[in-house]
PDB file of N, CA and C in Angstrom:
ATOM      1  N   MET A   1      -3.573   0.995  26.120  1.00  0.00           N
ATOM      2  CA  MET A   1      -4.531   0.575  25.120  1.00  0.00           C
ATOM      3  C   MET A   1      -3.793  -0.151  23.992  1.00  0.00           C
ATOM      4  N   SER A   2      -4.267  -1.326  23.608  1.00  0.00           N
ATOM      5  CA  SER A   2      -3.602  -2.067  22.547  1.00  0.00           C
ATOM      6  C   SER A   2      -4.177  -1.676  21.188  1.00  0.00           C
ATOM      7  N   ARG A   3      -3.309  -1.723  20.186  1.00  0.00           N
ATOM      8  CA  ARG A   3      -3.744  -1.404  18.826  1.00  0.00           C
ATOM      9  C   ARG A   3      -4.176  -2.675  18.124  1.00  0.00           C
ATOM     10  N   LYS A   4      -5.138  -2.531  17.232  1.00  0.00           N
ATOM     11  CA  LYS A   4      -5.582  -3.668  16.437  1.00  0.00           C
ATOM     12  C   LYS A   4      -4.438  -4.109  15.534  1.00  0.00           C
ATOM     13  N   ARG A   5      -4.234  -5.397  15.454  1.00  0.00           N
ATOM     14  CA  ARG A   5      -3.178  -5.933  14.584  1.00  0.00           C
ATOM     15  C   ARG A   5      -3.494  -5.629  13.127  1.00  0.00           C
ATOM     16  N   LEU A   6      -2.461  -5.371  12.361  1.00  0.00           N
ATOM     17  CA  LEU A   6      -2.618  -5.116  10.929  1.00  0.00           C
ATOM     18  C   LEU A   6      -2.612  -6.439  10.183  1.00  0.00           C
ATOM     19  N   THR A   7      -3.376  -6.496   9.098  1.00  0.00           N
ATOM     20  CA  THR A   7      -3.441  -7.696   8.279  1.00  0.00           C
ATOM     21  C   THR A   7      -3.303  -7.327   6.808  1.00  0.00           C
ATOM     22  N   ARG A   8      -3.012  -8.341   6.007  1.00  0.00           N
ATOM     23  CA  ARG A   8      -2.868  -8.164   4.559  1.00  0.00           C
ATOM     24  C   ARG A   8      -4.101  -7.468   3.999  1.00  0.00           C
ATOM     25  N   GLY A   9      -3.884  -6.426   3.197  1.00  0.00           N
ATOM     26  CA  GLY A   9      -4.982  -5.689   2.590  1.00  0.00           C
ATOM     27  C   GLY A   9      -5.408  -4.449   3.355  1.00  0.00           C
ATOM     28  N   ASP A  10      -4.871  -4.251   4.561  1.00  0.00           N
ATOM     29  CA  ASP A  10      -5.181  -3.020   5.299  1.00  0.00           C
ATOM     30  C   ASP A  10      -4.498  -1.841   4.625  1.00  0.00           C
ATOM     31  N   VAL A  11      -5.226  -0.753   4.447  1.00  0.00           N
ATOM     32  CA  VAL A  11      -4.653   0.495   3.932  1.00  0.00           C
ATOM     33  C   VAL A  11      -4.365   1.352   5.151  1.00  0.00           C
ATOM     34  N   VAL A  12      -3.112   1.820   5.237  1.00  0.00           N
ATOM     35  CA  VAL A  12      -2.661   2.541   6.423  1.00  0.00           C
ATOM     36  C   VAL A  12      -2.047   3.880   6.040  1.00  0.00           C
ATOM     37  N   LEU A  13      -1.927   4.748   7.020  1.00  0.00           N
ATOM     38  CA  LEU A  13      -1.190   5.999   6.884  1.00  0.00           C
ATOM     39  C   LEU A  13       0.088   5.813   7.684  1.00  0.00           C
ATOM     40  N   THR A  14       1.251   6.053   7.055  1.00  0.00           N
ATOM     41  CA  THR A  14       2.525   5.775   7.697  1.00  0.00           C
ATOM     42  C   THR A  14       3.638   6.652   7.128  1.00  0.00           C
ATOM     43  N   ARG A  15       4.751   6.683   7.805  1.00  0.00           N
ATOM     44  CA  ARG A  15       5.964   7.294   7.247  1.00  0.00           C
ATOM     45  C   ARG A  15       6.556   6.258   6.302  1.00  0.00           C
ATOM     46  N   PHE A  16       6.658   6.607   5.022  1.00  0.00           N
ATOM     47  CA  PHE A  16       7.176   5.681   4.014  1.00  0.00           C
ATOM     48  C   PHE A  16       8.521   6.211   3.541  1.00  0.00           C
ATOM     49  N   PRO A  17       9.573   5.390   3.585  1.00  0.00           N
ATOM     50  CA  PRO A  17      10.909   5.884   3.213  1.00  0.00           C
ATOM     51  C   PRO A  17      11.033   6.183   1.720  1.00  0.00           C
ATOM     52  N   PHE A  18      11.793   7.243   1.412  1.00  0.00           N
ATOM     53  CA  PHE A  18      12.141   7.528   0.021  1.00  0.00           C
ATOM     54  C   PHE A  18      13.087   6.435  -0.458  1.00  0.00           C
ATOM     55  N   THR A  19      13.119   6.188  -1.755  1.00  0.00           N
ATOM     56  CA  THR A  19      13.965   5.116  -2.275  1.00  0.00           C
ATOM     57  C   THR A  19      15.454   5.395  -2.092  1.00  0.00           C
ATOM     58  N   ASP A  20      15.839   6.668  -1.956  1.00  0.00           N
ATOM     59  CA  ASP A  20      17.251   6.975  -1.711  1.00  0.00           C
ATOM     60  C   ASP A  20      17.589   6.959  -0.216  1.00  0.00           C
ATOM     61  N   LEU A  21      16.599   6.662   0.617  1.00  0.00           N
ATOM     62  CA  LEU A  21      16.735   6.562   2.076  1.00  0.00           C
ATOM     63  C   LEU A  21      17.173   7.858   2.752  1.00  0.00           C
ATOM     64  N   LYS A  22      17.001   8.988   2.058  1.00  0.00           N
ATOM     65  CA  LYS A  22      17.379  10.280   2.634  1.00  0.00           C
ATOM     66  C   LYS A  22      16.246  10.920   3.420  1.00  0.00           C
ATOM     67  N   GLY A  23      15.122  10.249   3.518  1.00  0.00           N
ATOM     68  CA  GLY A  23      13.992  10.789   4.259  1.00  0.00           C
ATOM     69  C   GLY A  23      12.775   9.920   4.062  1.00  0.00           C
ATOM     70  N   SER A  24      11.647  10.467   4.474  1.00  0.00           N
ATOM     71  CA  SER A  24      10.390   9.750   4.330  1.00  0.00           C
ATOM     72  C   SER A  24       9.256  10.759   4.222  1.00  0.00           C
ATOM     73  N   ALA A  25       8.107  10.266   3.853  1.00  0.00           N
ATOM     74  CA  ALA A  25       6.923  11.125   3.757  1.00  0.00           C
ATOM     75  C   ALA A  25       5.747  10.391   4.373  1.00  0.00           C
ATOM     76  N   LEU A  26       4.861  11.158   4.968  1.00  0.00           N
ATOM     77  CA  LEU A  26       3.629  10.591   5.494  1.00  0.00           C
ATOM     78  C   LEU A  26       2.713  10.323   4.307  1.00  0.00           C
ATOM     79  N   ARG A  27       2.365   9.061   4.095  1.00  0.00           N
ATOM     80  CA  ARG A  27       1.593   8.699   2.919  1.00  0.00           C
ATOM     81  C   ARG A  27       0.807   7.424   3.183  1.00  0.00           C
ATOM     82  N   PRO A  28      -0.192   7.166   2.356  1.00  0.00           N
ATOM     83  CA  PRO A  28      -0.893   5.889   2.491  1.00  0.00           C
ATOM     84  C   PRO A  28      -0.051   4.764   1.904  1.00  0.00           C
ATOM     85  N   ALA A  29      -0.290   3.573   2.421  1.00  0.00           N
ATOM     86  CA  ALA A  29       0.363   2.366   1.931  1.00  0.00           C
ATOM     87  C   ALA A  29      -0.572   1.205   2.225  1.00  0.00           C
ATOM     88  N   VAL A  30      -0.313   0.071   1.595  1.00  0.00           N
ATOM     89  CA  VAL A  30      -1.141  -1.108   1.844  1.00  0.00           C
ATOM     90  C   VAL A  30      -0.249  -2.226   2.375  1.00  0.00           C
ATOM     91  N   VAL A  31      -0.747  -2.931   3.378  1.00  0.00           N
ATOM     92  CA  VAL A  31      -0.018  -4.056   3.968  1.00  0.00           C
ATOM     93  C   VAL A  31      -0.075  -5.223   2.996  1.00  0.00           C
ATOM     94  N   VAL A  32       1.111  -5.748   2.609  1.00  0.00           N
ATOM     95  CA  VAL A  32       1.166  -6.885   1.699  1.00  0.00           C
ATOM     96  C   VAL A  32       1.743  -8.131   2.360  1.00  0.00           C
ATOM     97  N   SER A  33       2.285  -7.996   3.558  1.00  0.00           N
ATOM     98  CA  SER A  33       2.668  -9.192   4.312  1.00  0.00           C
ATOM     99  C   SER A  33       1.395  -9.808   4.877  1.00  0.00           C
ATOM    100  N   GLU A  34       1.465 -11.043   5.335  1.00  0.00           N
ATOM    101  CA  GLU A  34       0.277 -11.700   5.890  1.00  0.00           C
ATOM    102  C   GLU A  34      -0.260 -10.947   7.088  1.00  0.00           C
ATOM    103  N   GLY A  35       0.485 -10.048   7.575  1.00  0.00           N
ATOM    104  CA  GLY A  35       0.155  -9.238   8.743  1.00  0.00           C
ATOM    105  C   GLY A  35       1.455  -8.763   9.338  1.00  0.00           C
ATOM    106  N   GLU A  36       1.472  -8.604  10.621  1.00  0.00           N
ATOM    107  CA  GLU A  36       2.690  -8.177  11.292  1.00  0.00           C
ATOM    108  C   GLU A  36       3.650  -9.358  11.399  1.00  0.00           C
ATOM    109  N   ILE A  37       4.920  -9.088  11.121  1.00  0.00           N
ATOM    110  CA  ILE A  37       5.975 -10.082  11.228  1.00  0.00           C
ATOM    111  C   ILE A  37       6.868  -9.603  12.358  1.00  0.00           C
ATOM    112  N   GLY A  38       6.655 -10.129  13.544  1.00  0.00           N
ATOM    113  CA  GLY A  38       7.327  -9.573  14.717  1.00  0.00           C
ATOM    114  C   GLY A  38       6.805  -8.167  14.917  1.00  0.00           C
ATOM    115  N   ASP A  39       7.703  -7.191  14.876  1.00  0.00           N
ATOM    116  CA  ASP A  39       7.323  -5.785  15.027  1.00  0.00           C
ATOM    117  C   ASP A  39       7.193  -5.065  13.687  1.00  0.00           C
ATOM    118  N   ASP A  40       7.296  -5.790  12.578  1.00  0.00           N
ATOM    119  CA  ASP A  40       7.340  -5.173  11.249  1.00  0.00           C
ATOM    120  C   ASP A  40       6.132  -5.534  10.392  1.00  0.00           C
ATOM    121  N   VAL A  41       5.908  -4.704   9.359  1.00  0.00           N
ATOM    122  CA  VAL A  41       4.951  -5.001   8.297  1.00  0.00           C
ATOM    123  C   VAL A  41       5.605  -4.648   6.966  1.00  0.00           C
ATOM    124  N   VAL A  42       5.228  -5.373   5.923  1.00  0.00           N
ATOM    125  CA  VAL A  42       5.710  -5.083   4.566  1.00  0.00           C
ATOM    126  C   VAL A  42       4.602  -4.323   3.856  1.00  0.00           C
ATOM    127  N   LEU A  43       4.983  -3.205   3.240  1.00  0.00           N
ATOM    128  CA  LEU A  43       4.022  -2.290   2.634  1.00  0.00           C
ATOM    129  C   LEU A  43       4.330  -2.007   1.171  1.00  0.00           C
ATOM    130  N   VAL A  44       3.287  -1.649   0.428  1.00  0.00           N
ATOM    131  CA  VAL A  44       3.408  -1.101  -0.924  1.00  0.00           C
ATOM    132  C   VAL A  44       2.964   0.352  -0.856  1.00  0.00           C
ATOM    133  N   ALA A  45       3.733   1.236  -1.481  1.00  0.00           N
ATOM    134  CA  ALA A  45       3.426   2.664  -1.490  1.00  0.00           C
ATOM    135  C   ALA A  45       2.186   2.956  -2.330  1.00  0.00           C
ATOM    136  N   ILE A  46       1.433   3.947  -1.878  1.00  0.00           N
ATOM    137  CA  ILE A  46       0.283   4.456  -2.626  1.00  0.00           C
ATOM    138  C   ILE A  46       0.522   5.941  -2.860  1.00  0.00           C
ATOM    139  N   SER A  47       0.299   6.389  -4.094  1.00  0.00           N
ATOM    140  CA  SER A  47       0.513   7.792  -4.433  1.00  0.00           C
ATOM    141  C   SER A  47      -0.702   8.358  -5.160  1.00  0.00           C
ATOM    142  N   SER A  48      -0.971   9.618  -4.925  1.00  0.00           N
ATOM    143  CA  SER A  48      -2.028  10.296  -5.698  1.00  0.00           C
ATOM    144  C   SER A  48      -1.403  11.136  -6.809  1.00  0.00           C
ATOM    145  N   VAL A  49      -0.079  11.103  -6.909  1.00  0.00           N
ATOM    146  CA  VAL A  49       0.650  11.872  -7.920  1.00  0.00           C
ATOM    147  C   VAL A  49       0.937  10.970  -9.114  1.00  0.00           C
ATOM    148  N   ASN A  50       0.639  11.473 -10.312  1.00  0.00           N
ATOM    149  CA  ASN A  50       0.880  10.719 -11.537  1.00  0.00           C
ATOM    150  C   ASN A  50       1.920  11.449 -12.367  1.00  0.00           C
ATOM    151  N   ARG A  51       3.180  11.211 -12.063  1.00  0.00           N
ATOM    152  CA  ARG A  51       4.278  11.846 -12.810  1.00  0.00           C
ATOM    153  C   ARG A  51       4.759  10.905 -13.904  1.00  0.00           C
ATOM    154  N   GLY A  52       4.628  11.316 -15.122  1.00  0.00           N
ATOM    155  CA  GLY A  52       5.185  10.553 -16.229  1.00  0.00           C
ATOM    156  C   GLY A  52       4.439   9.281 -16.575  1.00  0.00           C
ATOM    157  N   GLY A  53       3.210   9.160 -16.185  1.00  0.00           N
ATOM    158  CA  GLY A  53       2.427   7.984 -16.553  1.00  0.00           C
ATOM    159  C   GLY A  53       2.665   6.809 -15.627  1.00  0.00           C
ATOM    160  N   HIS A  54       2.111   5.672 -16.019  1.00  0.00           N
ATOM    161  CA  HIS A  54       2.182   4.475 -15.202  1.00  0.00           C
ATOM    162  C   HIS A  54       3.120   3.469 -15.828  1.00  0.00           C
ATOM    163  N   ILE A  55       3.649   2.569 -14.985  1.00  0.00           N
ATOM    164  CA  ILE A  55       4.440   1.456 -15.491  1.00  0.00           C
ATOM    165  C   ILE A  55       3.605   0.185 -15.336  1.00  0.00           C
ATOM    166  N   SER A  56       4.070  -0.910 -15.902  1.00  0.00           N
ATOM    167  CA  SER A  56       3.259  -2.132 -15.977  1.00  0.00           C
ATOM    168  C   SER A  56       2.934  -2.739 -14.615  1.00  0.00           C
ATOM    169  N   THR A  57       3.650  -2.368 -13.580  1.00  0.00           N
ATOM    170  CA  THR A  57       3.380  -2.920 -12.250  1.00  0.00           C
ATOM    171  C   THR A  57       2.592  -1.958 -11.363  1.00  0.00           C
ATOM    172  N   ASP A  58       2.156  -0.843 -11.909  1.00  0.00           N
ATOM    173  CA  ASP A  58       1.315   0.104 -11.166  1.00  0.00           C
ATOM    174  C   ASP A  58      -0.144  -0.340 -11.213  1.00  0.00           C
ATOM    175  N   LEU A  59      -0.853  -0.084 -10.127  1.00  0.00           N
ATOM    176  CA  LEU A  59      -2.284  -0.341 -10.077  1.00  0.00           C
ATOM    177  C   LEU A  59      -3.008   0.983  -9.856  1.00  0.00           C
ATOM    178  N   PRO A  60      -3.473   1.625 -10.941  1.00  0.00           N
ATOM    179  CA  PRO A  60      -4.244   2.858 -10.774  1.00  0.00           C
ATOM    180  C   PRO A  60      -5.655   2.506 -10.279  1.00  0.00           C
ATOM    181  N   VAL A  61      -6.126   3.272  -9.309  1.00  0.00           N
ATOM    182  CA  VAL A  61      -7.471   3.046  -8.768  1.00  0.00           C
ATOM    183  C   VAL A  61      -8.214   4.376  -8.781  1.00  0.00           C
ATOM    184  N   ASP A  62      -9.193   4.454  -9.657  1.00  0.00           N
ATOM    185  CA  ASP A  62     -10.007   5.652  -9.811  1.00  0.00           C
ATOM    186  C   ASP A  62     -11.046   5.729  -8.693  1.00  0.00           C
ATOM    187  N   LYS A  63     -11.420   6.951  -8.351  1.00  0.00           N
ATOM    188  CA  LYS A  63     -12.452   7.166  -7.333  1.00  0.00           C
ATOM    189  C   LYS A  63     -13.767   6.496  -7.707  1.00  0.00           C
ATOM    190  N   LYS A  64     -13.968   6.223  -8.993  1.00  0.00           N
ATOM    191  CA  LYS A  64     -15.215   5.609  -9.449  1.00  0.00           C
ATOM    192  C   LYS A  64     -15.210   4.073  -9.322  1.00  0.00           C
ATOM    193  N   HIS A  65     -14.054   3.500  -8.972  1.00  0.00           N
ATOM    194  CA  HIS A  65     -13.970   2.041  -8.818  1.00  0.00           C
ATOM    195  C   HIS A  65     -14.929   1.609  -7.708  1.00  0.00           C
ATOM    196  N   PRO A  66     -15.671   0.522  -7.900  1.00  0.00           N
ATOM    197  CA  PRO A  66     -16.671   0.110  -6.910  1.00  0.00           C
ATOM    198  C   PRO A  66     -16.111  -0.174  -5.515  1.00  0.00           C
ATOM    199  N   GLU A  67     -14.831  -0.483  -5.412  1.00  0.00           N
ATOM    200  CA  GLU A  67     -14.232  -0.777  -4.104  1.00  0.00           C
ATOM    201  C   GLU A  67     -13.430   0.403  -3.541  1.00  0.00           C
ATOM    202  N   PHE A  68     -13.425   1.527  -4.253  1.00  0.00           N
ATOM    203  CA  PHE A  68     -12.607   2.665  -3.823  1.00  0.00           C
ATOM    204  C   PHE A  68     -12.975   3.148  -2.421  1.00  0.00           C
ATOM    205  N   ALA A  69     -14.234   3.287  -2.127  1.00  0.00           N
ATOM    206  CA  ALA A  69     -14.664   3.836  -0.836  1.00  0.00           C
ATOM    207  C   ALA A  69     -14.110   3.047   0.343  1.00  0.00           C
ATOM    208  N   SER A  70     -13.994   1.740   0.215  1.00  0.00           N
ATOM    209  CA  SER A  70     -13.520   0.920   1.331  1.00  0.00           C
ATOM    210  C   SER A  70     -12.032   1.117   1.624  1.00  0.00           C
ATOM    211  N   THR A  71     -11.287   1.696   0.661  1.00  0.00           N
ATOM    212  CA  THR A  71      -9.848   1.898   0.869  1.00  0.00           C
ATOM    213  C   THR A  71      -9.550   3.012   1.861  1.00  0.00           C
ATOM    214  N   GLY A  72     -10.490   3.931   2.036  1.00  0.00           N
ATOM    215  CA  GLY A  72     -10.247   5.069   2.912  1.00  0.00           C
ATOM    216  C   GLY A  72      -9.468   6.184   2.238  1.00  0.00           C
ATOM    217  N   LEU A  73      -9.097   5.991   0.969  1.00  0.00           N
ATOM    218  CA  LEU A  73      -8.367   7.014   0.220  1.00  0.00           C
ATOM    219  C   LEU A  73      -9.338   8.113  -0.198  1.00  0.00           C
ATOM    220  N   ARG A  74      -8.814   9.324  -0.380  1.00  0.00           N
ATOM    221  CA  ARG A  74      -9.674  10.443  -0.777  1.00  0.00           C
ATOM    222  C   ARG A  74      -9.535  10.823  -2.240  1.00  0.00           C
ATOM    223  N   LEU A  75      -8.396  10.454  -2.840  1.00  0.00           N
ATOM    224  CA  LEU A  75      -8.109  10.841  -4.218  1.00  0.00           C
ATOM    225  C   LEU A  75      -7.813   9.619  -5.071  1.00  0.00           C
ATOM    226  N   THR A  76      -8.098   9.721  -6.365  1.00  0.00           N
ATOM    227  CA  THR A  76      -7.660   8.696  -7.299  1.00  0.00           C
ATOM    228  C   THR A  76      -6.179   8.448  -7.027  1.00  0.00           C
ATOM    229  N   SER A  77      -5.791   7.184  -6.948  1.00  0.00           N
ATOM    230  CA  SER A  77      -4.437   6.854  -6.496  1.00  0.00           C
ATOM    231  C   SER A  77      -3.817   5.754  -7.343  1.00  0.00           C
ATOM    232  N   VAL A  78      -2.505   5.575  -7.153  1.00  0.00           N
ATOM    233  CA  VAL A  78      -1.752   4.528  -7.832  1.00  0.00           C
ATOM    234  C   VAL A  78      -1.010   3.720  -6.774  1.00  0.00           C
ATOM    235  N   PHE A  79      -1.226   2.416  -6.793  1.00  0.00           N
ATOM    236  CA  PHE A  79      -0.478   1.503  -5.930  1.00  0.00           C
ATOM    237  C   PHE A  79       0.792   1.139  -6.698  1.00  0.00           C
ATOM    238  N   ARG A  80       1.935   1.478  -6.157  1.00  0.00           N
ATOM    239  CA  ARG A  80       3.221   1.281  -6.830  1.00  0.00           C
ATOM    240  C   ARG A  80       3.873   0.007  -6.302  1.00  0.00           C
ATOM    241  N   THR A  81       3.561  -1.123  -6.941  1.00  0.00           N
ATOM    242  CA  THR A  81       4.001  -2.409  -6.401  1.00  0.00           C
ATOM    243  C   THR A  81       5.513  -2.596  -6.417  1.00  0.00           C
ATOM    244  N   HIS A  82       6.233  -1.791  -7.169  1.00  0.00           N
ATOM    245  CA  HIS A  82       7.694  -1.874  -7.163  1.00  0.00           C
ATOM    246  C   HIS A  82       8.294  -1.069  -6.002  1.00  0.00           C
ATOM    247  N   LYS A  83       7.458  -0.331  -5.270  1.00  0.00           N
ATOM    248  CA  LYS A  83       7.936   0.455  -4.122  1.00  0.00           C
ATOM    249  C   LYS A  83       7.476  -0.234  -2.845  1.00  0.00           C
ATOM    250  N   LEU A  84       8.289  -1.174  -2.402  1.00  0.00           N
ATOM    251  CA  LEU A  84       8.032  -1.957  -1.196  1.00  0.00           C
ATOM    252  C   LEU A  84       8.919  -1.457  -0.069  1.00  0.00           C
ATOM    253  N   ALA A  85       8.406  -1.544   1.145  1.00  0.00           N
ATOM    254  CA  ALA A  85       9.215  -1.187   2.314  1.00  0.00           C
ATOM    255  C   ALA A  85       8.763  -2.031   3.497  1.00  0.00           C
ATOM    256  N   THR A  86       9.713  -2.405   4.320  1.00  0.00           N
ATOM    257  CA  THR A  86       9.418  -3.048   5.595  1.00  0.00           C
ATOM    258  C   THR A  86       9.623  -1.996   6.666  1.00  0.00           C
ATOM    259  N   VAL A  87       8.600  -1.767   7.473  1.00  0.00           N
ATOM    260  CA  VAL A  87       8.676  -0.739   8.509  1.00  0.00           C
ATOM    261  C   VAL A  87       8.197  -1.318   9.842  1.00  0.00           C
ATOM    262  N   GLU A  88       8.632  -0.694  10.908  1.00  0.00           N
ATOM    263  CA  GLU A  88       8.145  -1.078  12.225  1.00  0.00           C
ATOM    264  C   GLU A  88       6.675  -0.704  12.365  1.00  0.00           C
ATOM    265  N   ARG A  89       5.923  -1.571  12.955  1.00  0.00           N
ATOM    266  CA  ARG A  89       4.491  -1.321  13.180  1.00  0.00           C
ATOM    267  C   ARG A  89       4.281  -0.015  13.938  1.00  0.00           C
ATOM    268  N   SER A  90       5.221   0.335  14.793  1.00  0.00           N
ATOM    269  CA  SER A  90       5.074   1.526  15.635  1.00  0.00           C
ATOM    270  C   SER A  90       5.024   2.823  14.840  1.00  0.00           C
ATOM    271  N   ILE A  91       5.520   2.839  13.592  1.00  0.00           N
ATOM    272  CA  ILE A  91       5.474   4.083  12.822  1.00  0.00           C
ATOM    273  C   ILE A  91       4.207   4.210  11.978  1.00  0.00           C
ATOM    274  N   VAL A  92       3.381   3.165  11.974  1.00  0.00           N
ATOM    275  CA  VAL A  92       2.093   3.246  11.287  1.00  0.00           C
ATOM    276  C   VAL A  92       1.177   4.117  12.143  1.00  0.00           C
ATOM    277  N   VAL A  93       0.711   5.212  11.558  1.00  0.00           N
ATOM    278  CA  VAL A  93      -0.126   6.166  12.289  1.00  0.00           C
ATOM    279  C   VAL A  93      -1.500   5.580  12.570  1.00  0.00           C
ATOM    280  N   ARG A  94      -2.134   5.040  11.518  1.00  0.00           N
ATOM    281  CA  ARG A  94      -3.456   4.445  11.709  1.00  0.00           C
ATOM    282  C   ARG A  94      -3.873   3.677  10.460  1.00  0.00           C
ATOM    283  N   ARG A  95      -4.848   2.812  10.651  1.00  0.00           N
ATOM    284  CA  ARG A  95      -5.482   2.102   9.551  1.00  0.00           C
ATOM    285  C   ARG A  95      -6.578   3.022   9.021  1.00  0.00           C
ATOM    286  N   ILE A  96      -6.612   3.209   7.673  1.00  0.00           N
ATOM    287  CA  ILE A  96      -7.631   4.102   7.111  1.00  0.00           C
ATOM    288  C   ILE A  96      -8.683   3.354   6.307  1.00  0.00           C
ATOM    289  N   GLY A  97      -8.392   2.114   5.927  1.00  0.00           N
ATOM    290  CA  GLY A  97      -9.340   1.362   5.129  1.00  0.00           C
ATOM    291  C   GLY A  97      -8.844  -0.035   4.834  1.00  0.00           C
ATOM    292  N   ARG A  98      -9.467  -0.640   3.853  1.00  0.00           N
ATOM    293  CA  ARG A  98      -9.138  -2.022   3.501  1.00  0.00           C
ATOM    294  C   ARG A  98      -9.430  -2.246   2.021  1.00  0.00           C
ATOM    295  N   LEU A  99      -8.602  -3.073   1.375  1.00  0.00           N
ATOM    296  CA  LEU A  99      -8.844  -3.426  -0.023  1.00  0.00           C
ATOM    297  C   LEU A  99      -9.999  -4.407  -0.116  1.00  0.00           C
ATOM    298  N   GLY A 100     -10.816  -4.231  -1.150  1.00  0.00           N
ATOM    299  CA  GLY A 100     -11.851  -5.205  -1.462  1.00  0.00           C
ATOM    300  C   GLY A 100     -11.228  -6.364  -2.218  1.00  0.00           C
ATOM    301  N   PRO A 101     -11.973  -7.438  -2.438  1.00  0.00           N
ATOM    302  CA  PRO A 101     -11.421  -8.630  -3.093  1.00  0.00           C
ATOM    303  C   PRO A 101     -10.923  -8.403  -4.523  1.00  0.00           C
ATOM    304  N   GLN A 102     -11.584  -7.555  -5.304  1.00  0.00           N
ATOM    305  CA  GLN A 102     -11.118  -7.283  -6.678  1.00  0.00           C
ATOM    306  C   GLN A 102      -9.762  -6.589  -6.660  1.00  0.00           C
ATOM    307  N   LEU A 103      -9.637  -5.560  -5.823  1.00  0.00           N
ATOM    308  CA  LEU A 103      -8.368  -4.824  -5.751  1.00  0.00           C
ATOM    309  C   LEU A 103      -7.261  -5.700  -5.187  1.00  0.00           C
ATOM    310  N   GLN A 104      -7.577  -6.528  -4.184  1.00  0.00           N
ATOM    311  CA  GLN A 104      -6.555  -7.410  -3.607  1.00  0.00           C
ATOM    312  C   GLN A 104      -6.037  -8.394  -4.650  1.00  0.00           C
ATOM    313  N   LYS A 105      -6.947  -8.958  -5.443  1.00  0.00           N
ATOM    314  CA  LYS A 105      -6.547  -9.911  -6.484  1.00  0.00           C
ATOM    315  C   LYS A 105      -5.635  -9.245  -7.508  1.00  0.00           C
ATOM    316  N   LYS A 106      -6.005  -8.053  -7.970  1.00  0.00           N
ATOM    317  CA  LYS A 106      -5.189  -7.340  -8.964  1.00  0.00           C
ATOM    318  C   LYS A 106      -3.839  -6.939  -8.371  1.00  0.00           C
ATOM    319  N   LEU A 107      -3.836  -6.483  -7.114  1.00  0.00           N
ATOM    320  CA  LEU A 107      -2.579  -6.121  -6.454  1.00  0.00           C
ATOM    321  C   LEU A 107      -1.662  -7.338  -6.359  1.00  0.00           C
ATOM    322  N   ASP A 108      -2.217  -8.495  -6.000  1.00  0.00           N
ATOM    323  CA  ASP A 108      -1.418  -9.721  -5.914  1.00  0.00           C
ATOM    324  C   ASP A 108      -0.802 -10.073  -7.263  1.00  0.00           C
ATOM    325  N   GLU A 109      -1.579  -9.940  -8.342  1.00  0.00           N
ATOM    326  CA  GLU A 109      -1.067 -10.228  -9.691  1.00  0.00           C
ATOM    327  C   GLU A 109       0.111  -9.314 -10.025  1.00  0.00           C
ATOM    328  N   LEU A 110      -0.042  -8.018  -9.716  1.00  0.00           N
ATOM    329  CA  LEU A 110       1.008  -7.059 -10.050  1.00  0.00           C
ATOM    330  C   LEU A 110       2.233  -7.221  -9.160  1.00  0.00           C
ATOM    331  N   LEU A 111       2.042  -7.627  -7.920  1.00  0.00           N
ATOM    332  CA  LEU A 111       3.187  -7.918  -7.048  1.00  0.00           C
ATOM    333  C   LEU A 111       3.992  -9.097  -7.600  1.00  0.00           C
ATOM    334  N   ARG A 112       3.289 -10.135  -8.052  1.00  0.00           N
ATOM    335  CA  ARG A 112       3.995 -11.268  -8.651  1.00  0.00           C
ATOM    336  C   ARG A 112       4.786 -10.815  -9.876  1.00  0.00           C
ATOM    337  N   ARG A 113       4.202  -9.930 -10.688  1.00  0.00           N
ATOM    338  CA  ARG A 113       4.918  -9.417 -11.861  1.00  0.00           C
ATOM    339  C   ARG A 113       6.127  -8.589 -11.437  1.00  0.00           C
ATOM    340  N   ALA A 114       5.931  -7.695 -10.479  1.00  0.00           N
ATOM    341  CA  ALA A 114       7.025  -6.820 -10.032  1.00  0.00           C
ATOM    342  C   ALA A 114       8.187  -7.621  -9.454  1.00  0.00           C
ATOM    343  N   LEU A 115       7.883  -8.751  -8.824  1.00  0.00           N
ATOM    344  CA  LEU A 115       8.920  -9.563  -8.199  1.00  0.00           C
ATOM    345  C   LEU A 115       9.332 -10.766  -9.051  1.00  0.00           C
ATOM    346  N   SER A 116       8.836 -10.812 -10.287  1.00  0.00           N
ATOM    347  CA  SER A 116       9.134 -11.919 -11.227  1.00  0.00           C
ATOM    348  C   SER A 116       8.852 -13.285 -10.613  1.00  0.00           C
ATOM    349  N   LEU A 117       7.663 -13.416 -10.015  1.00  0.00           N
ATOM    350  CA  LEU A 117       7.296 -14.682  -9.364  1.00  0.00           C
ATOM    351  C   LEU A 117       6.407 -15.554 -10.242  1.00  0.00           C
ATOM    352  N   ASP A 118       6.053 -15.077 -11.420  1.00  0.00           N
ATOM    353  CA  ASP A 118       5.230 -15.899 -12.335  1.00  0.00           C
ATOM    354  C   ASP A 118       6.077 -16.527 -13.392  1.00  0.00           C
TER     355      ASP A 118
END
């Protein structure tokens, strides 16, 4: 059985590496590459934990946001645009949702800020 290809804006459940590369955690993430690049996808980490507040490149998304339901997330979450990872498509467990146009636009703005592309 073939899996549906992932595309930009898909919210997925995957093993996401810790920044010190000493392990990983099963967590939601959003695809920020145009889709799959060979066997890989580029992801931004999503967290429901708010330790020490937000930084300027974080995108907090409250459960009350009009596009929240389409993400497939269950809890108010923060998209951490400074936490990027390239992972093999094979470690993505499943697609859980998709970003709406408002969230995608804001995520793109914050990615440009995080990567100093503006």
